[in-house]
Amino acid sequence: MQVSEIVSNFAANHRPKTIDNINTIKKLELELIMKRIGLSLMMILTCVMAFAQEEVVDYLQVGKTLKFQGKKFELKWCQHPIEAYYLQEWLPKGETFDNYEQMLTVSLAFTEVLTVRDAVEAKVQELEERKKSDKCCNYLVYERDGEYVLDFLVSDGADGKLNCVEVDIHHYKPVTVNGKKAVQLNFYSRRAYGDDIIPFLESLKDKKEDWITELTQMKIVCKMK
């Protein structure tokens, strides 16, 4: 099977400013469920937490329904483990976290120290590490006016066979909420399984530009009570 190769020089040309900054945000990302690329294990953990949660709360006040690519997404999961961090996820009706095809996520991390670029660089390092075991893993990074888009592909499989591929479009931007600085991450995740993988990969060239354009133009404004 051949996968279209995505070429990126970002990791080579943009190294982290300080190890302390990167370690801090990577720890935050791992501990607070921002790490979505461990497909099988992380989805199981997410489901366990989702079932354990009694109420899904729209902490960020962005709406219990969102529309993307002409489809309505419903708020299905939220997380507010510490005062400075919020995470919410939306799925189309009828889809579940263990076998979804599409997902929207919005997270907000309040910080006076870490920048949007720090967050992107941490994710890039994570993807570089994943490349060692995931031959499909690759990414592109775009920057404009202080906002970043990280477009990446990951996969899950066994015995040389792909079971699932996932494309994630991450849109990072600096925001101010109630007078406090924060990093907001909006992202769209799209998956294909089994026999649908090859057609899905072949269609990405025509679809991803639309996904990126629509995601970056979404008017998602986080508000806090």
C-alpha atoms as a PDB file:
ATOM      1  CA  MET A   1       0.000   0.000   0.000  1.00  0.00           C
ATOM      2  CA  GLN A   2       1.263   3.443  -0.896  1.00  0.00           C
ATOM      3  CA  VAL A   3       0.462   6.506   1.166  1.00  0.00           C
ATOM      4  CA  SER A   4       0.974   9.990  -0.306  1.00  0.00           C
ATOM      5  CA  GLU A   5       4.027  11.458   1.363  1.00  0.00           C
ATOM      6  CA  ILE A   6       3.624  14.738   3.204  1.00  0.00           C
ATOM      7  CA  VAL A   7       6.904  16.684   3.304  1.00  0.00           C
ATOM      8  CA  SER A   8       7.661  19.031   6.202  1.00  0.00           C
ATOM      9  CA  ASN A   9      10.822  20.918   7.206  1.00  0.00           C
ATOM     10  CA  PHE A  10       9.227  22.534  10.232  1.00  0.00           C
ATOM     11  CA  ALA A  11      10.705  20.224  12.848  1.00  0.00           C
ATOM     12  CA  ALA A  12      14.218  20.638  11.459  1.00  0.00           C
ATOM     13  CA  ASN A  13      14.083  24.428  11.234  1.00  0.00           C
ATOM     14  CA  HIS A  14      12.055  25.328  14.326  1.00  0.00           C
ATOM     15  CA  ARG A  15      13.501  23.775  17.432  1.00  0.00           C
ATOM     16  CA  PRO A  16      12.009  24.468  20.889  1.00  0.00           C
ATOM     17  CA  LYS A  17      13.309  27.559  22.663  1.00  0.00           C
ATOM     18  CA  THR A  18      13.688  25.839  26.022  1.00  0.00           C
ATOM     19  CA  ILE A  19      13.388  22.270  27.153  1.00  0.00           C
ATOM     20  CA  ASP A  20      11.491  23.377  30.267  1.00  0.00           C
ATOM     21  CA  ASN A  21       8.751  25.005  28.229  1.00  0.00           C
ATOM     22  CA  ILE A  22       8.324  21.984  26.002  1.00  0.00           C
ATOM     23  CA  ASN A  23       8.333  19.529  28.882  1.00  0.00           C
ATOM     24  CA  THR A  24       5.692  21.577  30.673  1.00  0.00           C
ATOM     25  CA  ILE A  25       3.275  21.768  27.791  1.00  0.00           C
ATOM     26  CA  LYS A  26       3.863  18.143  26.799  1.00  0.00           C
ATOM     27  CA  LYS A  27       3.013  17.103  30.339  1.00  0.00           C
ATOM     28  CA  LEU A  28      -0.148  19.215  30.185  1.00  0.00           C
ATOM     29  CA  GLU A  29      -1.060  17.735  26.824  1.00  0.00           C
ATOM     30  CA  LEU A  30      -0.565  14.164  27.988  1.00  0.00           C
ATOM     31  CA  GLU A  31      -2.231  14.503  31.388  1.00  0.00           C
ATOM     32  CA  LEU A  32      -5.243  16.431  30.099  1.00  0.00           C
ATOM     33  CA  ILE A  33      -6.158  14.168  27.171  1.00  0.00           C
ATOM     34  CA  MET A  34      -4.869  16.394  24.366  1.00  0.00           C
ATOM     35  CA  LYS A  35      -2.870  13.510  23.050  1.00  0.00           C
ATOM     36  CA  ARG A  36      -5.334  11.952  20.599  1.00  0.00           C
ATOM     37  CA  ILE A  37      -2.984  10.057  18.318  1.00  0.00           C
ATOM     38  CA  GLY A  38      -2.695   6.866  20.346  1.00  0.00           C
ATOM     39  CA  LEU A  39      -5.746   5.543  18.551  1.00  0.00           C
ATOM     40  CA  SER A  40      -6.704   2.296  20.247  1.00  0.00           C
ATOM     41  CA  LEU A  41      -5.580   2.874  23.832  1.00  0.00           C
ATOM     42  CA  MET A  42      -6.557   6.520  24.049  1.00  0.00           C
ATOM     43  CA  MET A  43     -10.019   5.914  22.631  1.00  0.00           C
ATOM     44  CA  ILE A  44     -10.641   3.219  25.260  1.00  0.00           C
ATOM     45  CA  LEU A  45      -9.577   5.568  28.038  1.00  0.00           C
ATOM     46  CA  THR A  46     -11.743   8.333  26.635  1.00  0.00           C
ATOM     47  CA  CYS A  47     -14.776   6.072  26.550  1.00  0.00           C
ATOM     48  CA  VAL A  48     -14.250   5.012  30.156  1.00  0.00           C
ATOM     49  CA  MET A  49     -14.125   8.629  31.276  1.00  0.00           C
ATOM     50  CA  ALA A  50     -17.114   9.558  29.132  1.00  0.00           C
ATOM     51  CA  PHE A  51     -19.282   6.843  30.674  1.00  0.00           C
ATOM     52  CA  ALA A  52     -18.138   7.803  34.157  1.00  0.00           C
ATOM     53  CA  GLN A  53     -19.189  11.402  33.639  1.00  0.00           C
ATOM     54  CA  GLU A  54     -22.810  12.100  34.605  1.00  0.00           C
ATOM     55  CA  GLU A  55     -23.298  15.404  32.787  1.00  0.00           C
ATOM     56  CA  VAL A  56     -21.782  16.929  29.668  1.00  0.00           C
ATOM     57  CA  VAL A  57     -21.247  20.625  30.408  1.00  0.00           C
ATOM     58  CA  ASP A  58     -20.654  23.368  27.850  1.00  0.00           C
ATOM     59  CA  TYR A  59     -17.962  25.016  29.968  1.00  0.00           C
ATOM     60  CA  LEU A  60     -16.702  27.142  27.084  1.00  0.00           C
ATOM     61  CA  GLN A  61     -20.184  28.358  26.089  1.00  0.00           C
ATOM     62  CA  VAL A  62     -19.616  27.691  22.409  1.00  0.00           C
ATOM     63  CA  GLY A  63     -22.798  25.660  21.972  1.00  0.00           C
ATOM     64  CA  LYS A  64     -23.998  22.101  22.510  1.00  0.00           C
ATOM     65  CA  THR A  65     -24.239  21.705  18.734  1.00  0.00           C
ATOM     66  CA  LEU A  66     -21.739  22.763  16.071  1.00  0.00           C
ATOM     67  CA  LYS A  67     -21.996  22.519  12.292  1.00  0.00           C
ATOM     68  CA  PHE A  68     -19.089  21.470  10.082  1.00  0.00           C
ATOM     69  CA  GLN A  69     -19.030  20.314   6.450  1.00  0.00           C
ATOM     70  CA  GLY A  70     -22.823  20.523   6.412  1.00  0.00           C
ATOM     71  CA  LYS A  71     -23.165  18.078   9.315  1.00  0.00           C
ATOM     72  CA  LYS A  72     -24.417  18.763  12.830  1.00  0.00           C
ATOM     73  CA  PHE A  73     -22.142  17.710  15.702  1.00  0.00           C
ATOM     74  CA  GLU A  74     -23.457  17.217  19.251  1.00  0.00           C
ATOM     75  CA  LEU A  75     -21.477  17.863  22.440  1.00  0.00           C
ATOM     76  CA  LYS A  76     -20.692  14.420  23.883  1.00  0.00           C
ATOM     77  CA  TRP A  77     -17.767  14.872  26.262  1.00  0.00           C
ATOM     78  CA  CYS A  78     -16.104  17.538  28.386  1.00  0.00           C
ATOM     79  CA  GLN A  79     -13.163  17.739  30.754  1.00  0.00           C
ATOM     80  CA  HIS A  80     -12.162  20.411  33.282  1.00  0.00           C
ATOM     81  CA  PRO A  81      -9.513  18.690  35.418  1.00  0.00           C
ATOM     82  CA  ILE A  82      -7.750  21.858  36.575  1.00  0.00           C
ATOM     83  CA  GLU A  83      -8.720  25.516  36.736  1.00  0.00           C
ATOM     84  CA  ALA A  84      -6.578  26.490  33.755  1.00  0.00           C
ATOM     85  CA  TYR A  85      -7.732  23.859  31.262  1.00  0.00           C
ATOM     86  CA  TYR A  86     -10.968  22.956  29.453  1.00  0.00           C
ATOM     87  CA  LEU A  87     -11.679  20.367  26.764  1.00  0.00           C
ATOM     88  CA  GLN A  88     -14.916  19.620  24.875  1.00  0.00           C
ATOM     89  CA  GLU A  89     -15.692  17.135  22.085  1.00  0.00           C
ATOM     90  CA  TRP A  90     -18.565  16.870  19.609  1.00  0.00           C
ATOM     91  CA  LEU A  91     -19.662  13.900  17.467  1.00  0.00           C
ATOM     92  CA  PRO A  92     -22.263  13.518  14.714  1.00  0.00           C
ATOM     93  CA  LYS A  93     -25.474  11.870  15.875  1.00  0.00           C
ATOM     94  CA  GLY A  94     -25.143   8.084  16.078  1.00  0.00           C
ATOM     95  CA  GLU A  95     -21.329   8.027  16.271  1.00  0.00           C
ATOM     96  CA  THR A  96     -19.354   6.903  19.322  1.00  0.00           C
ATOM     97  CA  PHE A  97     -15.826   7.624  20.514  1.00  0.00           C
ATOM     98  CA  ASP A  98     -14.601   4.064  20.018  1.00  0.00           C
ATOM     99  CA  ASN A  99     -15.566   3.965  16.343  1.00  0.00           C
ATOM    100  CA  TYR A 100     -16.158   7.516  15.171  1.00  0.00           C
ATOM    101  CA  GLU A 101     -15.634   8.809  11.641  1.00  0.00           C
ATOM    102  CA  GLN A 102     -15.670  12.521  12.458  1.00  0.00           C
ATOM    103  CA  MET A 103     -15.061  14.549  15.611  1.00  0.00           C
ATOM    104  CA  LEU A 104     -14.734  18.217  16.547  1.00  0.00           C
ATOM    105  CA  THR A 105     -12.762  19.344  19.590  1.00  0.00           C
ATOM    106  CA  VAL A 106     -12.200  22.683  21.304  1.00  0.00           C
ATOM    107  CA  SER A 107      -9.721  23.125  24.143  1.00  0.00           C
ATOM    108  CA  LEU A 108      -8.646  26.174  26.093  1.00  0.00           C
ATOM    109  CA  ALA A 109      -5.480  26.422  28.190  1.00  0.00           C
ATOM    110  CA  PHE A 110      -4.902  29.546  30.243  1.00  0.00           C
ATOM    111  CA  THR A 111      -1.206  30.453  30.440  1.00  0.00           C
ATOM    112  CA  GLU A 112       0.966  33.517  30.871  1.00  0.00           C
ATOM    113  CA  VAL A 113       4.142  31.638  29.951  1.00  0.00           C
ATOM    114  CA  LEU A 114       3.589  29.240  27.069  1.00  0.00           C
ATOM    115  CA  THR A 115       2.868  30.463  23.553  1.00  0.00           C
ATOM    116  CA  VAL A 116       0.939  29.069  20.613  1.00  0.00           C
ATOM    117  CA  ARG A 117       4.241  28.190  18.994  1.00  0.00           C
ATOM    118  CA  ASP A 118       5.309  26.278  22.109  1.00  0.00           C
ATOM    119  CA  ALA A 119       2.148  24.179  21.844  1.00  0.00           C
ATOM    120  CA  VAL A 120       2.745  23.477  18.156  1.00  0.00           C
ATOM    121  CA  GLU A 121       6.387  22.569  18.692  1.00  0.00           C
ATOM    122  CA  ALA A 122       5.437  20.158  21.460  1.00  0.00           C
ATOM    123  CA  LYS A 123       2.966  18.408  19.165  1.00  0.00           C
ATOM    124  CA  VAL A 124       5.544  18.277  16.384  1.00  0.00           C
ATOM    125  CA  GLN A 125       8.021  16.590  18.715  1.00  0.00           C
ATOM    126  CA  GLU A 126       5.346  14.087  19.653  1.00  0.00           C
ATOM    127  CA  LEU A 127       4.664  13.314  15.992  1.00  0.00           C
ATOM    128  CA  GLU A 128       8.381  12.989  15.241  1.00  0.00           C
ATOM    129  CA  GLU A 129       8.582  10.354  17.975  1.00  0.00           C
ATOM    130  CA  ARG A 130       5.524   8.571  16.623  1.00  0.00           C
ATOM    131  CA  LYS A 131       7.102   8.339  13.168  1.00  0.00           C
ATOM    132  CA  LYS A 132       9.501   5.753  14.567  1.00  0.00           C
ATOM    133  CA  SER A 133       6.662   3.244  14.936  1.00  0.00           C
ATOM    134  CA  ASP A 134       3.989   4.587  12.576  1.00  0.00           C
ATOM    135  CA  LYS A 135       5.071   4.577   8.912  1.00  0.00           C
ATOM    136  CA  CYS A 136       2.002   6.568   7.877  1.00  0.00           C
ATOM    137  CA  CYS A 137       2.619   9.357  10.371  1.00  0.00           C
ATOM    138  CA  ASN A 138       3.459  12.698   8.819  1.00  0.00           C
ATOM    139  CA  TYR A 139       2.503  16.324   9.099  1.00  0.00           C
ATOM    140  CA  LEU A 140       2.552  19.860   7.712  1.00  0.00           C
ATOM    141  CA  VAL A 141       2.604  23.119   9.666  1.00  0.00           C
ATOM    142  CA  TYR A 142       1.258  26.450   8.429  1.00  0.00           C
ATOM    143  CA  GLU A 143       1.555  29.821  10.161  1.00  0.00           C
ATOM    144  CA  ARG A 144      -0.285  33.066   9.522  1.00  0.00           C
ATOM    145  CA  ASP A 145      -0.589  36.154  11.717  1.00  0.00           C
ATOM    146  CA  GLY A 146       0.403  34.289  14.868  1.00  0.00           C
ATOM    147  CA  GLU A 147      -2.023  31.414  14.321  1.00  0.00           C
ATOM    148  CA  TYR A 148      -0.919  27.904  13.339  1.00  0.00           C
ATOM    149  CA  VAL A 149      -2.463  24.974  11.525  1.00  0.00           C
ATOM    150  CA  LEU A 150      -0.992  21.527  12.134  1.00  0.00           C
ATOM    151  CA  ASP A 151      -2.226  18.998   9.567  1.00  0.00           C
ATOM    152  CA  PHE A 152      -1.202  15.426  10.379  1.00  0.00           C
ATOM    153  CA  LEU A 153      -1.892  11.797   9.590  1.00  0.00           C
ATOM    154  CA  VAL A 154      -1.565   8.832  11.962  1.00  0.00           C
ATOM    155  CA  SER A 155      -2.550   5.188  11.738  1.00  0.00           C
ATOM    156  CA  ASP A 156      -3.255   2.092  13.797  1.00  0.00           C
ATOM    157  CA  GLY A 157      -2.700  -1.507  12.755  1.00  0.00           C
ATOM    158  CA  ALA A 158      -1.198  -4.894  13.483  1.00  0.00           C
ATOM    159  CA  ASP A 159       0.801  -7.548  11.615  1.00  0.00           C
ATOM    160  CA  GLY A 160       1.559  -5.189   8.745  1.00  0.00           C
ATOM    161  CA  LYS A 161      -2.118  -4.396   8.139  1.00  0.00           C
ATOM    162  CA  LEU A 162      -3.762  -1.025   8.673  1.00  0.00           C
ATOM    163  CA  ASN A 163      -6.938  -1.079  10.726  1.00  0.00           C
ATOM    164  CA  CYS A 164      -7.533   2.660  10.926  1.00  0.00           C
ATOM    165  CA  VAL A 165      -6.108   5.935   9.649  1.00  0.00           C
ATOM    166  CA  GLU A 166      -6.817   9.319  11.189  1.00  0.00           C
ATOM    167  CA  VAL A 167      -6.366  12.808   9.791  1.00  0.00           C
ATOM    168  CA  ASP A 168      -6.342  15.662  12.287  1.00  0.00           C
ATOM    169  CA  ILE A 169      -6.454  19.355  11.475  1.00  0.00           C
ATOM    170  CA  HIS A 170      -5.363  21.421  14.497  1.00  0.00           C
ATOM    171  CA  HIS A 171      -5.923  25.174  14.547  1.00  0.00           C
ATOM    172  CA  TYR A 172      -3.984  26.911  17.333  1.00  0.00           C
ATOM    173  CA  LYS A 173      -4.530  30.570  18.148  1.00  0.00           C
ATOM    174  CA  PRO A 174      -3.837  32.997  21.003  1.00  0.00           C
ATOM    175  CA  VAL A 175      -6.944  34.391  22.688  1.00  0.00           C
ATOM    176  CA  THR A 176      -7.918  36.483  25.682  1.00  0.00           C
ATOM    177  CA  VAL A 177     -10.868  35.308  27.774  1.00  0.00           C
ATOM    178  CA  ASN A 178     -12.098  37.429  30.680  1.00  0.00           C
ATOM    179  CA  GLY A 179      -8.842  39.381  30.535  1.00  0.00           C
ATOM    180  CA  LYS A 180      -6.664  36.256  30.764  1.00  0.00           C
ATOM    181  CA  LYS A 181      -4.302  35.013  28.043  1.00  0.00           C
ATOM    182  CA  ALA A 182      -4.911  31.526  26.706  1.00  0.00           C
ATOM    183  CA  VAL A 183      -4.122  29.136  23.872  1.00  0.00           C
ATOM    184  CA  GLN A 184      -7.225  27.915  22.051  1.00  0.00           C
ATOM    185  CA  LEU A 185      -7.115  24.731  19.991  1.00  0.00           C
ATOM    186  CA  ASN A 186      -9.922  23.892  17.584  1.00  0.00           C
ATOM    187  CA  PHE A 187      -9.539  20.647  15.720  1.00  0.00           C
ATOM    188  CA  TYR A 188     -11.288  18.360  13.306  1.00  0.00           C
ATOM    189  CA  SER A 189     -10.574  14.641  13.266  1.00  0.00           C
ATOM    190  CA  ARG A 190     -11.558  12.325  10.409  1.00  0.00           C
ATOM    191  CA  ARG A 191     -11.076   8.536  10.320  1.00  0.00           C
ATOM    192  CA  ALA A 192     -11.403   5.616   7.940  1.00  0.00           C
ATOM    193  CA  TYR A 193     -11.384   1.893   8.742  1.00  0.00           C
ATOM    194  CA  GLY A 194     -10.606  -1.338   6.903  1.00  0.00           C
ATOM    195  CA  ASP A 195     -11.529  -1.366   3.214  1.00  0.00           C
ATOM    196  CA  ASP A 196     -12.380   2.345   3.317  1.00  0.00           C
ATOM    197  CA  ILE A 197      -8.787   3.356   4.060  1.00  0.00           C
ATOM    198  CA  ILE A 198      -7.381   3.445   0.506  1.00  0.00           C
ATOM    199  CA  PRO A 199     -10.282   5.436  -1.005  1.00  0.00           C
ATOM    200  CA  PHE A 200     -10.115   7.785   1.982  1.00  0.00           C
ATOM    201  CA  LEU A 201      -6.387   8.443   1.528  1.00  0.00           C
ATOM    202  CA  GLU A 202      -6.830   8.961  -2.198  1.00  0.00           C
ATOM    203  CA  SER A 203      -9.522  11.567  -1.537  1.00  0.00           C
ATOM    204  CA  LEU A 204      -7.517  13.649   0.941  1.00  0.00           C
ATOM    205  CA  LYS A 205      -5.871  15.883  -1.640  1.00  0.00           C
ATOM    206  CA  ASP A 206      -9.266  17.202  -2.727  1.00  0.00           C
ATOM    207  CA  LYS A 207     -10.833  17.416   0.729  1.00  0.00           C
ATOM    208  CA  LYS A 208      -8.233  18.708   3.184  1.00  0.00           C
ATOM    209  CA  GLU A 209      -8.052  22.219   1.780  1.00  0.00           C
ATOM    210  CA  ASP A 210     -11.797  22.604   2.385  1.00  0.00           C
ATOM    211  CA  TRP A 211     -11.470  21.207   5.915  1.00  0.00           C
ATOM    212  CA  ILE A 212      -8.649  23.607   6.775  1.00  0.00           C
ATOM    213  CA  THR A 213     -10.458  26.602   5.299  1.00  0.00           C
ATOM    214  CA  GLU A 214     -13.710  25.897   7.104  1.00  0.00           C
ATOM    215  CA  LEU A 215     -12.056  25.066  10.429  1.00  0.00           C
ATOM    216  CA  THR A 216      -9.944  28.233  10.492  1.00  0.00           C
ATOM    217  CA  GLN A 217     -12.944  30.368   9.579  1.00  0.00           C
ATOM    218  CA  MET A 218     -15.253  28.962  12.264  1.00  0.00           C
ATOM    219  CA  LYS A 219     -16.385  31.619  14.715  1.00  0.00           C
ATOM    220  CA  ILE A 220     -15.760  29.684  17.928  1.00  0.00           C
ATOM    221  CA  VAL A 221     -15.470  32.219  20.724  1.00  0.00           C
ATOM    222  CA  CYS A 222     -14.885  30.764  24.194  1.00  0.00           C
ATOM    223  CA  LYS A 223     -16.611  32.488  27.096  1.00  0.00           C
ATOM    224  CA  MET A 224     -16.383  31.846  30.795  1.00  0.00           C
ATOM    225  CA  LYS A 225     -18.965  32.556  33.477  1.00  0.00           C
END
